[in-house]
Amino acid sequence: LIYTATGSGAGVLNTITVPRGAQYHVVLADSSEAWLNAASSMTYPASFDGNTREVIIRGEAYFKVAKDAAKPFLVTAGKTTIQVLGTEFDVMAYEDEDAVRSSLVNGSVSILAYGKQDRAQKVVLQAGEQAAFDKSTGLLRVKHVDLDQVLGWRFGEFRCNETGLPAIMRQIARWYDVSVEYRGPVDHIRFSGELSRKHRVQDILDILSDTRKVHFEMKTPATIVVIPGSK
């Protein structure tokens, strides 16, 4: 865990950075709570003195926001801003993901995103919905999602539902602090199921290899080589 503070007086901004392989729980000045996933950071003021409560997220975080109708809670993640009064939701905004994804657990939130040529787009989410802002197209789309899968990390699990192998390997890389190399196309390989993040990385790879869809080799330093098909 890395903690830094900038500014002075009422303008102090705190930044908490969580390394790979860790999670961290933060209670903010208004009693709102944030859980940070591996390889994530959050910048927030020491106190919410203005008309809004604003934080900035890089990576992934789950929020449980204290209600305050007079002071909206704003989360900035890339080119998206989530505005809430009091609710629970997950934001995933890793740099190596193709989209910024905001998933609502309960209550309602509004999502404002700026696409190409700074064109503003706004949607309102209901519980069980996810807004995905595509970084390449600049489009904001809403769909229903499996919240159990989205929130698996909060409960110490990798949860997959026909999830593509590259997305799974990005999660593994963040949690086990490893690099990943590919020897061939793997976008067509998908998995469903649940695995505890308490497993050793080799145990995870062995379970995936048993399906004969993919094979792994370990290199030094910690690098996983992904090979399509059986050995």
Protein backbone atom coordinates (compact mmCIF):
# COMPACT_ATOMS: atom_id res chain seq x y z
CA LEU A 1 0.00 0.00 0.00
CA ILE A 2 1.32 3.45 -0.97
CA TYR A 3 -0.22 6.58 0.56
CA THR A 4 0.55 10.15 -0.57
CA ALA A 5 -0.92 13.57 0.21
CA THR A 6 -0.68 16.80 -1.81
CA GLY A 7 -1.82 20.37 -1.14
CA SER A 8 -2.40 22.06 2.20
CA GLY A 9 -5.24 22.96 4.54
CA ALA A 10 -8.71 22.19 3.21
CA GLY A 11 -7.22 21.48 -0.23
CA VAL A 12 -5.28 18.37 0.79
CA LEU A 13 -5.72 15.47 -1.65
CA ASN A 14 -4.92 11.93 -0.57
CA THR A 15 -3.95 9.15 -2.98
CA ILE A 16 -4.00 5.50 -2.00
CA THR A 17 -2.31 3.08 -4.40
CA VAL A 18 -2.87 -0.66 -3.99
CA PRO A 19 -0.22 -2.94 -5.56
CA ARG A 20 -0.86 -6.10 -7.50
CA GLY A 21 -1.96 -9.02 -5.35
CA ALA A 22 -3.74 -6.90 -2.71
CA GLN A 23 -7.06 -5.26 -1.82
CA TYR A 24 -7.75 -2.31 0.48
CA HIS A 25 -10.77 -0.86 2.27
CA VAL A 26 -11.09 2.92 2.78
CA VAL A 27 -13.62 4.88 4.85
CA LEU A 28 -13.99 8.42 3.52
CA ALA A 29 -14.70 11.59 5.50
CA ASP A 30 -18.47 11.35 4.85
CA SER A 31 -18.56 7.70 6.02
CA SER A 32 -18.78 6.42 2.45
CA GLU A 33 -16.72 3.27 1.91
CA ALA A 34 -14.52 2.16 -0.98
CA TRP A 35 -12.92 -1.23 -1.59
CA LEU A 36 -9.96 -1.06 -4.00
CA ASN A 37 -9.00 -4.03 -6.14
CA ALA A 38 -5.42 -5.01 -6.99
CA ALA A 39 -3.35 -2.52 -9.05
CA SER A 40 -5.78 0.33 -8.33
CA SER A 41 -5.58 3.82 -6.89
CA MET A 42 -8.00 6.45 -5.56
CA THR A 43 -7.46 10.18 -5.13
CA TYR A 44 -9.82 11.95 -2.72
CA PRO A 45 -9.90 15.05 -0.47
CA ALA A 46 -9.18 14.89 3.24
CA SER A 47 -12.64 16.42 3.77
CA PHE A 48 -15.60 17.14 1.49
CA ASP A 49 -15.95 20.88 2.02
CA GLY A 50 -17.58 21.95 -1.26
CA ASN A 51 -20.97 21.31 -2.85
CA THR A 52 -19.95 17.88 -4.11
CA ARG A 53 -17.98 14.84 -2.92
CA GLU A 54 -15.47 13.97 -5.62
CA VAL A 55 -12.97 11.12 -6.01
CA ILE A 56 -10.84 9.83 -8.90
CA ILE A 57 -10.35 6.13 -9.61
CA ARG A 58 -7.75 4.23 -11.61
CA GLY A 59 -8.21 0.49 -11.72
CA GLU A 60 -11.26 -0.97 -9.96
CA ALA A 61 -13.25 -0.01 -6.87
CA TYR A 62 -16.52 -0.89 -5.19
CA PHE A 63 -18.35 1.98 -3.48
CA LYS A 64 -20.95 2.08 -0.73
CA VAL A 65 -21.94 5.76 -0.72
CA ALA A 66 -23.42 7.50 2.32
CA LYS A 67 -26.61 9.38 1.46
CA ASP A 68 -26.45 13.19 1.32
CA ALA A 69 -29.07 14.72 -0.96
CA ALA A 70 -27.43 18.15 -0.74
CA LYS A 71 -23.99 16.96 -1.81
CA PRO A 72 -23.79 14.53 -4.77
CA PHE A 73 -20.98 11.94 -4.80
CA LEU A 74 -18.93 12.01 -8.02
CA VAL A 75 -16.51 9.34 -9.23
CA THR A 76 -14.27 10.17 -12.18
CA ALA A 77 -12.78 7.23 -14.07
CA GLY A 78 -11.08 8.10 -17.33
CA LYS A 79 -13.54 10.02 -19.49
CA THR A 80 -16.56 9.01 -17.42
CA THR A 81 -18.13 10.57 -14.34
CA ILE A 82 -20.59 8.71 -12.12
CA GLN A 83 -22.96 10.81 -10.00
CA VAL A 84 -24.86 9.32 -7.05
CA LEU A 85 -26.57 10.42 -3.86
CA GLY A 86 -26.40 7.13 -1.97
CA THR A 87 -25.97 3.67 -3.47
CA GLU A 88 -23.60 0.76 -4.14
CA PHE A 89 -21.75 0.20 -7.40
CA ASP A 90 -18.55 -1.10 -8.98
CA VAL A 91 -16.26 0.82 -11.33
CA MET A 92 -13.60 -0.90 -13.45
CA ALA A 93 -11.25 1.46 -15.26
CA TYR A 94 -7.94 -0.35 -15.78
CA GLU A 95 -5.76 1.07 -18.54
CA ASP A 96 -5.37 -2.35 -20.18
CA GLU A 97 -9.14 -2.90 -20.49
CA ASP A 98 -11.03 -1.88 -23.64
CA ALA A 99 -13.78 -0.07 -21.74
CA VAL A 100 -14.62 1.71 -18.49
CA ARG A 101 -17.40 -0.33 -16.89
CA SER A 102 -19.77 0.91 -14.17
CA SER A 103 -22.07 -1.72 -12.62
CA LEU A 104 -24.94 -0.79 -10.29
CA VAL A 105 -25.84 -3.01 -7.32
CA ASN A 106 -28.70 -0.94 -5.87
CA GLY A 107 -30.19 2.55 -6.07
CA SER A 108 -29.59 4.55 -9.24
CA VAL A 109 -26.67 6.45 -10.75
CA SER A 110 -26.16 8.69 -13.76
CA ILE A 111 -23.15 8.20 -16.02
CA LEU A 112 -21.69 11.04 -18.06
CA ALA A 113 -19.06 10.16 -20.67
CA TYR A 114 -17.20 12.17 -23.27
CA GLY A 115 -16.60 10.35 -26.54
CA LYS A 116 -14.94 11.43 -29.76
CA GLN A 117 -14.73 15.19 -30.27
CA ASP A 118 -15.78 15.45 -26.61
CA ARG A 119 -19.36 14.52 -27.46
CA ALA A 120 -21.25 14.15 -24.17
CA GLN A 121 -23.36 11.04 -23.52
CA LYS A 122 -25.48 10.44 -20.43
CA VAL A 123 -27.36 7.38 -19.17
CA VAL A 124 -29.13 6.49 -15.93
CA LEU A 125 -28.55 2.98 -14.56
CA GLN A 126 -30.93 0.78 -12.62
CA ALA A 127 -29.86 -2.07 -10.35
CA GLY A 128 -28.28 -4.94 -12.28
CA GLU A 129 -27.24 -2.78 -15.23
CA GLN A 130 -23.76 -1.92 -16.46
CA ALA A 131 -22.64 1.07 -18.52
CA ALA A 132 -19.60 0.38 -20.68
CA PHE A 133 -17.70 3.27 -22.26
CA ASP A 134 -15.75 1.86 -25.22
CA LYS A 135 -12.35 3.56 -25.38
CA SER A 136 -11.87 2.97 -29.10
CA THR A 137 -15.31 4.01 -30.40
CA GLY A 138 -16.15 6.54 -27.69
CA LEU A 139 -19.63 5.05 -27.33
CA LEU A 140 -21.49 4.48 -24.06
CA ARG A 141 -23.73 1.41 -23.94
CA VAL A 142 -25.93 -0.13 -21.23
CA LYS A 143 -26.69 -3.81 -20.66
CA HIS A 144 -27.80 -6.17 -17.88
CA VAL A 145 -24.93 -8.03 -16.22
CA ASP A 146 -24.27 -10.90 -13.83
CA LEU A 147 -23.38 -8.98 -10.67
CA ASP A 148 -22.06 -12.14 -9.00
CA GLN A 149 -19.41 -12.32 -11.72
CA VAL A 150 -18.61 -8.59 -11.64
CA LEU A 151 -18.19 -8.58 -7.86
CA GLY A 152 -16.28 -11.86 -7.54
CA TRP A 153 -13.07 -10.03 -6.62
CA ARG A 154 -14.76 -8.49 -3.57
CA PHE A 155 -15.23 -11.98 -2.17
CA GLY A 156 -11.80 -13.31 -3.04
CA GLU A 157 -12.77 -15.18 -6.20
CA PHE A 158 -12.23 -15.25 -9.95
CA ARG A 159 -15.75 -15.67 -11.39
CA CYS A 160 -16.24 -16.37 -15.08
CA ASN A 161 -19.31 -16.84 -17.27
CA GLU A 162 -18.22 -17.59 -20.83
CA THR A 163 -15.41 -15.10 -20.20
CA GLY A 164 -12.67 -14.77 -22.81
CA LEU A 165 -9.22 -16.04 -21.84
CA PRO A 166 -7.48 -12.64 -22.32
CA ALA A 167 -9.83 -11.04 -19.76
CA ILE A 168 -9.13 -13.89 -17.33
CA MET A 169 -5.39 -13.57 -17.81
CA ARG A 170 -5.51 -9.82 -17.11
CA GLN A 171 -7.12 -10.60 -13.74
CA ILE A 172 -4.50 -13.25 -13.02
CA ALA A 173 -1.68 -10.87 -13.95
CA ARG A 174 -2.92 -8.20 -11.53
CA TRP A 175 -3.51 -10.56 -8.64
CA TYR A 176 -0.36 -12.67 -8.90
CA ASP A 177 1.90 -9.85 -10.16
CA VAL A 178 2.99 -11.66 -13.32
CA SER A 179 3.38 -10.79 -16.99
CA VAL A 180 1.58 -12.66 -19.76
CA GLU A 181 2.78 -13.59 -23.26
CA TYR A 182 0.73 -15.27 -25.99
CA ARG A 183 1.88 -17.81 -28.58
CA GLY A 184 -1.08 -17.84 -30.88
CA PRO A 185 -4.68 -16.57 -30.96
CA VAL A 186 -6.73 -17.14 -27.79
CA ASP A 187 -9.70 -14.79 -28.16
CA HIS A 188 -11.97 -17.74 -29.00
CA ILE A 189 -11.16 -19.58 -25.74
CA ARG A 190 -13.75 -19.05 -23.00
CA PHE A 191 -14.33 -20.36 -19.49
CA SER A 192 -17.12 -20.48 -16.91
CA GLY A 193 -16.76 -21.21 -13.21
CA GLU A 194 -15.35 -19.96 -9.91
CA LEU A 195 -11.84 -20.20 -8.45
CA SER A 196 -10.54 -18.85 -5.15
CA ARG A 197 -7.85 -16.19 -5.30
CA LYS A 198 -6.23 -18.03 -2.39
CA HIS A 199 -4.98 -20.67 -4.83
CA ARG A 200 -1.37 -20.51 -5.97
CA VAL A 201 -1.03 -19.25 -9.52
CA GLN A 202 0.24 -22.65 -10.64
CA ASP A 203 -2.92 -24.27 -9.24
CA ILE A 204 -5.07 -21.88 -11.30
CA LEU A 205 -3.09 -22.60 -14.45
CA ASP A 206 -3.29 -26.37 -13.87
CA ILE A 207 -7.08 -26.21 -13.56
CA LEU A 208 -7.38 -24.24 -16.82
CA SER A 209 -4.92 -26.60 -18.54
CA ASP A 210 -7.00 -29.63 -17.56
CA THR A 211 -9.67 -28.47 -20.01
CA ARG A 212 -7.11 -28.99 -22.83
CA LYS A 213 -8.24 -25.68 -24.34
CA VAL A 214 -4.94 -24.04 -23.41
CA HIS A 215 -1.47 -24.80 -22.05
CA PHE A 216 0.84 -22.62 -19.96
CA GLU A 217 4.57 -22.35 -19.45
CA MET A 218 6.30 -20.33 -16.73
CA LYS A 219 9.33 -18.20 -17.58
CA THR A 220 11.74 -16.33 -15.30
CA PRO A 221 11.16 -13.68 -14.11
CA ALA A 222 7.48 -14.25 -13.38
CA THR A 223 5.99 -14.52 -16.88
CA ILE A 224 3.21 -16.84 -18.00
CA VAL A 225 3.34 -18.02 -21.62
CA VAL A 226 -0.11 -18.89 -22.99
CA ILE A 227 -0.27 -21.55 -25.74
CA PRO A 228 -3.62 -22.41 -27.40
CA GLY A 229 -4.66 -26.06 -27.37
CA SER A 230 -3.20 -29.00 -25.49
CA LYS A 231 0.52 -29.58 -25.13
